[in-house]
Amino acid sequence: AIRDAHQDAVSAAAAALQIQEAAA
């Protein structure tokens, strides 16, 4: 469960980074 949560957190952080890069 911890590893699944970590993978989800990494995916969310990558999506947020893409949004920031698109906005920039």
PDB file of all heavy atoms in Angstrom:
ATOM      1  N   ALA A   1       0.831  -1.206   0.000  1.00  0.00           N
ATOM      2  CA  ALA A   1       0.000   0.000   0.000  1.00  0.00           C
ATOM      3  C   ALA A   1       0.864   1.255   0.000  1.00  0.00           C
ATOM      4  O   ALA A   1       0.552   2.249  -0.685  1.00  0.00           O
ATOM      5  CB  ALA A   1      -0.927  -0.010   1.210  1.00  0.00           C
ATOM      6  N   ILE A   2       1.985   1.208   0.733  1.00  0.00           N
ATOM      7  CA  ILE A   2       2.881   2.363   0.772  1.00  0.00           C
ATOM      8  C   ILE A   2       3.514   2.603  -0.588  1.00  0.00           C
ATOM      9  O   ILE A   2       3.609   3.748  -1.060  1.00  0.00           O
ATOM     10  CB  ILE A   2       3.961   2.143   1.856  1.00  0.00           C
ATOM     11  CG1 ILE A   2       3.319   2.142   3.247  1.00  0.00           C
ATOM     12  CG2 ILE A   2       5.041   3.217   1.764  1.00  0.00           C
ATOM     13  CD1 ILE A   2       4.272   1.765   4.362  1.00  0.00           C
ATOM     14  N   ARG A   3       3.929   1.562  -1.272  1.00  0.00           N
ATOM     15  CA  ARG A   3       4.551   1.719  -2.586  1.00  0.00           C
ATOM     16  C   ARG A   3       3.532   2.220  -3.617  1.00  0.00           C
ATOM     17  O   ARG A   3       3.879   3.020  -4.492  1.00  0.00           O
ATOM     18  CB  ARG A   3       5.171   0.392  -3.028  1.00  0.00           C
ATOM     19  CG  ARG A   3       6.351  -0.038  -2.150  1.00  0.00           C
ATOM     20  CD  ARG A   3       7.083  -1.241  -2.715  1.00  0.00           C
ATOM     21  NE  ARG A   3       8.174  -1.657  -1.832  1.00  0.00           N
ATOM     22  CZ  ARG A   3       9.381  -1.079  -1.832  1.00  0.00           C
ATOM     23  NH1 ARG A   3       9.642  -0.096  -2.672  1.00  0.00           N
ATOM     24  NH2 ARG A   3      10.318  -1.514  -0.999  1.00  0.00           N
ATOM     25  N   ASP A   4       2.306   1.740  -3.532  1.00  0.00           N
ATOM     26  CA  ASP A   4       1.272   2.246  -4.443  1.00  0.00           C
ATOM     27  C   ASP A   4       1.020   3.740  -4.202  1.00  0.00           C
ATOM     28  O   ASP A   4       0.857   4.518  -5.150  1.00  0.00           O
ATOM     29  CB  ASP A   4      -0.033   1.472  -4.249  1.00  0.00           C
ATOM     30  CG  ASP A   4       0.064   0.032  -4.731  1.00  0.00           C
ATOM     31  OD1 ASP A   4       1.008  -0.272  -5.498  1.00  0.00           O
ATOM     32  OD2 ASP A   4      -0.795  -0.790  -4.338  1.00  0.00           O
ATOM     33  N   ALA A   5       0.991   4.119  -2.937  1.00  0.00           N
ATOM     34  CA  ALA A   5       0.788   5.534  -2.611  1.00  0.00           C
ATOM     35  C   ALA A   5       1.950   6.378  -3.118  1.00  0.00           C
ATOM     36  O   ALA A   5       1.761   7.491  -3.628  1.00  0.00           O
ATOM     37  CB  ALA A   5       0.634   5.700  -1.099  1.00  0.00           C
ATOM     38  N   HIS A   6       3.173   5.837  -2.991  1.00  0.00           N
ATOM     39  CA  HIS A   6       4.341   6.575  -3.483  1.00  0.00           C
ATOM     40  C   HIS A   6       4.278   6.752  -5.000  1.00  0.00           C
ATOM     41  O   HIS A   6       4.572   7.834  -5.525  1.00  0.00           O
ATOM     42  CB  HIS A   6       5.622   5.835  -3.083  1.00  0.00           C
ATOM     43  CG  HIS A   6       6.854   6.439  -3.684  1.00  0.00           C
ATOM     44  ND1 HIS A   6       7.442   5.935  -4.831  1.00  0.00           N
ATOM     45  CD2 HIS A   6       7.593   7.513  -3.317  1.00  0.00           C
ATOM     46  CE1 HIS A   6       8.493   6.671  -5.135  1.00  0.00           C
ATOM     47  NE2 HIS A   6       8.617   7.624  -4.226  1.00  0.00           N
ATOM     48  N   GLN A   7       3.887   5.715  -5.724  1.00  0.00           N
ATOM     49  CA  GLN A   7       3.790   5.811  -7.173  1.00  0.00           C
ATOM     50  C   GLN A   7       2.740   6.844  -7.582  1.00  0.00           C
ATOM     51  O   GLN A   7       2.933   7.611  -8.534  1.00  0.00           O
ATOM     52  CB  GLN A   7       3.439   4.446  -7.768  1.00  0.00           C
ATOM     53  CG  GLN A   7       3.430   4.417  -9.294  1.00  0.00           C
ATOM     54  CD  GLN A   7       4.782   4.764  -9.882  1.00  0.00           C
ATOM     55  OE1 GLN A   7       5.824   4.337  -9.366  1.00  0.00           O
ATOM     56  NE2 GLN A   7       4.782   5.548 -10.962  1.00  0.00           N
ATOM     57  N   ASP A   8       1.640   6.878  -6.857  1.00  0.00           N
ATOM     58  CA  ASP A   8       0.596   7.861  -7.144  1.00  0.00           C
ATOM     59  C   ASP A   8       1.096   9.271  -6.870  1.00  0.00           C
ATOM     60  O   ASP A   8       0.786  10.218  -7.620  1.00  0.00           O
ATOM     61  CB  ASP A   8      -0.641   7.568  -6.301  1.00  0.00           C
ATOM     62  CG  ASP A   8      -1.834   8.391  -6.717  1.00  0.00           C
ATOM     63  OD1 ASP A   8      -2.415   8.114  -7.783  1.00  0.00           O
ATOM     64  OD2 ASP A   8      -2.194   9.339  -5.991  1.00  0.00           O
ATOM     65  N   ALA A   9       1.866   9.460  -5.809  1.00  0.00           N
ATOM     66  CA  ALA A   9       2.417  10.773  -5.493  1.00  0.00           C
ATOM     67  C   ALA A   9       3.396  11.230  -6.567  1.00  0.00           C
ATOM     68  O   ALA A   9       3.406  12.407  -6.960  1.00  0.00           O
ATOM     69  CB  ALA A   9       3.098  10.743  -4.125  1.00  0.00           C
ATOM     70  N   VAL A  10       4.222  10.302  -7.059  1.00  0.00           N
ATOM     71  CA  VAL A  10       5.176  10.649  -8.124  1.00  0.00           C
ATOM     72  C   VAL A  10       4.432  11.053  -9.398  1.00  0.00           C
ATOM     73  O   VAL A  10       4.790  12.036 -10.067  1.00  0.00           O
ATOM     74  CB  VAL A  10       6.120   9.462  -8.388  1.00  0.00           C
ATOM     75  CG1 VAL A  10       6.970   9.714  -9.625  1.00  0.00           C
ATOM     76  CG2 VAL A  10       7.012   9.211  -7.175  1.00  0.00           C
ATOM     77  N   SER A  11       3.368  10.342  -9.744  1.00  0.00           N
ATOM     78  CA  SER A  11       2.593  10.666 -10.938  1.00  0.00           C
ATOM     79  C   SER A  11       1.927  12.038 -10.797  1.00  0.00           C
ATOM     80  O   SER A  11       1.894  12.828 -11.744  1.00  0.00           O
ATOM     81  CB  SER A  11       1.532   9.593 -11.195  1.00  0.00           C
ATOM     82  OG  SER A  11       2.130   8.321 -11.383  1.00  0.00           O
ATOM     83  N   ALA A  12       1.396  12.313  -9.606  1.00  0.00           N
ATOM     84  CA  ALA A  12       0.754  13.606  -9.380  1.00  0.00           C
ATOM     85  C   ALA A  12       1.766  14.745  -9.469  1.00  0.00           C
ATOM     86  O   ALA A  12       1.477  15.807 -10.031  1.00  0.00           O
ATOM     87  CB  ALA A  12       0.069  13.617  -8.019  1.00  0.00           C
ATOM     88  N   ALA A  13       2.961  14.520  -8.922  1.00  0.00           N
ATOM     89  CA  ALA A  13       3.992  15.557  -8.996  1.00  0.00           C
ATOM     90  C   ALA A  13       4.426  15.792 -10.434  1.00  0.00           C
ATOM     91  O   ALA A  13       4.664  16.940 -10.852  1.00  0.00           O
ATOM     92  CB  ALA A  13       5.186  15.156  -8.132  1.00  0.00           C
ATOM     93  N   ALA A  14       4.532  14.709 -11.242  1.00  0.00           N
ATOM     94  CA  ALA A  14       4.905  14.865 -12.655  1.00  0.00           C
ATOM     95  C   ALA A  14       3.828  15.614 -13.426  1.00  0.00           C
ATOM     96  O   ALA A  14       4.130  16.475 -14.272  1.00  0.00           O
ATOM     97  CB  ALA A  14       5.141  13.485 -13.270  1.00  0.00           C
ATOM     98  N   ALA A  15       2.558  15.320 -13.135  1.00  0.00           N
ATOM     99  CA  ALA A  15       1.467  16.030 -13.813  1.00  0.00           C
ATOM    100  C   ALA A  15       1.466  17.506 -13.443  1.00  0.00           C
ATOM    101  O   ALA A  15       1.260  18.376 -14.301  1.00  0.00           O
ATOM    102  CB  ALA A  15       0.125  15.392 -13.452  1.00  0.00           C
ATOM    103  N   ALA A  16       1.722  17.798 -12.172  1.00  0.00           N
ATOM    104  CA  ALA A  16       1.785  19.199 -11.751  1.00  0.00           C
ATOM    105  C   ALA A  16       2.940  19.924 -12.425  1.00  0.00           C
ATOM    106  O   ALA A  16       2.826  21.097 -12.815  1.00  0.00           O
ATOM    107  CB  ALA A  16       1.920  19.278 -10.231  1.00  0.00           C
ATOM    108  N   LEU A  17       4.081  19.213 -12.597  1.00  0.00           N
ATOM    109  CA  LEU A  17       5.227  19.821 -13.273  1.00  0.00           C
ATOM    110  C   LEU A  17       4.910  20.114 -14.733  1.00  0.00           C
ATOM    111  O   LEU A  17       5.300  21.162 -15.273  1.00  0.00           O
ATOM    112  CB  LEU A  17       6.434  18.888 -13.161  1.00  0.00           C
ATOM    113  CG  LEU A  17       7.741  19.392 -13.795  1.00  0.00           C
ATOM    114  CD1 LEU A  17       8.176  20.702 -13.162  1.00  0.00           C
ATOM    115  CD2 LEU A  17       8.833  18.334 -13.677  1.00  0.00           C
ATOM    116  N   GLN A  18       4.188  19.214 -15.411  1.00  0.00           N
ATOM    117  CA  GLN A  18       3.799  19.448 -16.791  1.00  0.00           C
ATOM    118  C   GLN A  18       2.884  20.665 -16.925  1.00  0.00           C
ATOM    119  O   GLN A  18       3.011  21.460 -17.858  1.00  0.00           O
ATOM    120  CB  GLN A  18       3.107  18.206 -17.354  1.00  0.00           C
ATOM    121  CG  GLN A  18       4.034  17.023 -17.565  1.00  0.00           C
ATOM    122  CD  GLN A  18       3.295  15.816 -18.111  1.00  0.00           C
ATOM    123  OE1 GLN A  18       2.075  15.841 -18.278  1.00  0.00           O
ATOM    124  NE2 GLN A  18       4.036  14.738 -18.382  1.00  0.00           N
ATOM    125  N   ILE A  19       1.967  20.807 -15.973  1.00  0.00           N
ATOM    126  CA  ILE A  19       1.078  21.969 -15.997  1.00  0.00           C
ATOM    127  C   ILE A  19       1.875  23.255 -15.809  1.00  0.00           C
ATOM    128  O   ILE A  19       1.644  24.262 -16.497  1.00  0.00           O
ATOM    129  CB  ILE A  19       0.000  21.823 -14.911  1.00  0.00           C
ATOM    130  CG1 ILE A  19      -0.934  20.653 -15.241  1.00  0.00           C
ATOM    131  CG2 ILE A  19      -0.804  23.108 -14.768  1.00  0.00           C
ATOM    132  CD1 ILE A  19      -1.942  20.352 -14.160  1.00  0.00           C
ATOM    133  N   GLN A  20       2.843  23.229 -14.900  1.00  0.00           N
ATOM    134  CA  GLN A  20       3.671  24.412 -14.681  1.00  0.00           C
ATOM    135  C   GLN A  20       4.502  24.736 -15.921  1.00  0.00           C
ATOM    136  O   GLN A  20       4.633  25.907 -16.309  1.00  0.00           O
ATOM    137  CB  GLN A  20       4.588  24.184 -13.479  1.00  0.00           C
ATOM    138  CG  GLN A  20       3.855  24.099 -12.150  1.00  0.00           C
ATOM    139  CD  GLN A  20       4.795  23.813 -10.992  1.00  0.00           C
ATOM    140  OE1 GLN A  20       6.007  23.658 -11.187  1.00  0.00           O
ATOM    141  NE2 GLN A  20       4.239  23.740  -9.792  1.00  0.00           N
ATOM    142  N   GLU A  21       5.047  23.699 -16.562  1.00  0.00           N
ATOM    143  CA  GLU A  21       5.845  23.936 -17.765  1.00  0.00           C
ATOM    144  C   GLU A  21       4.974  24.481 -18.905  1.00  0.00           C
ATOM    145  O   GLU A  21       5.399  25.365 -19.655  1.00  0.00           O
ATOM    146  CB  GLU A  21       6.534  22.642 -18.197  1.00  0.00           C
ATOM    147  CG  GLU A  21       7.623  22.178 -17.237  1.00  0.00           C
ATOM    148  CD  GLU A  21       8.224  20.846 -17.642  1.00  0.00           C
ATOM    149  OE1 GLU A  21       7.637  20.192 -18.546  1.00  0.00           O
ATOM    150  OE2 GLU A  21       9.262  20.457 -17.076  1.00  0.00           O
ATOM    151  N   ALA A  22       3.744  23.947 -19.040  1.00  0.00           N
ATOM    152  CA  ALA A  22       2.846  24.450 -20.079  1.00  0.00           C
ATOM    153  C   ALA A  22       2.474  25.896 -19.812  1.00  0.00           C
ATOM    154  O   ALA A  22       2.405  26.720 -20.743  1.00  0.00           O
ATOM    155  CB  ALA A  22       1.592  23.579 -20.147  1.00  0.00           C
ATOM    156  N   ALA A  23       2.219  26.231 -18.543  1.00  0.00           N
ATOM    157  CA  ALA A  23       1.894  27.614 -18.206  1.00  0.00           C
ATOM    158  C   ALA A  23       3.078  28.538 -18.476  1.00  0.00           C
ATOM    159  O   ALA A  23       2.917  29.662 -18.983  1.00  0.00           O
ATOM    160  CB  ALA A  23       1.468  27.709 -16.750  1.00  0.00           C
ATOM    161  N   ALA A  24       4.298  28.054 -18.148  1.00  0.00           N
ATOM    162  CA  ALA A  24       5.483  28.863 -18.407  1.00  0.00           C
ATOM    163  C   ALA A  24       5.699  29.057 -19.906  1.00  0.00           C
ATOM    164  O   ALA A  24       6.076  30.145 -20.361  1.00  0.00           O
ATOM    165  CB  ALA A  24       6.711  28.202 -17.776  1.00  0.00           C
TER     166      ALA A  24
END
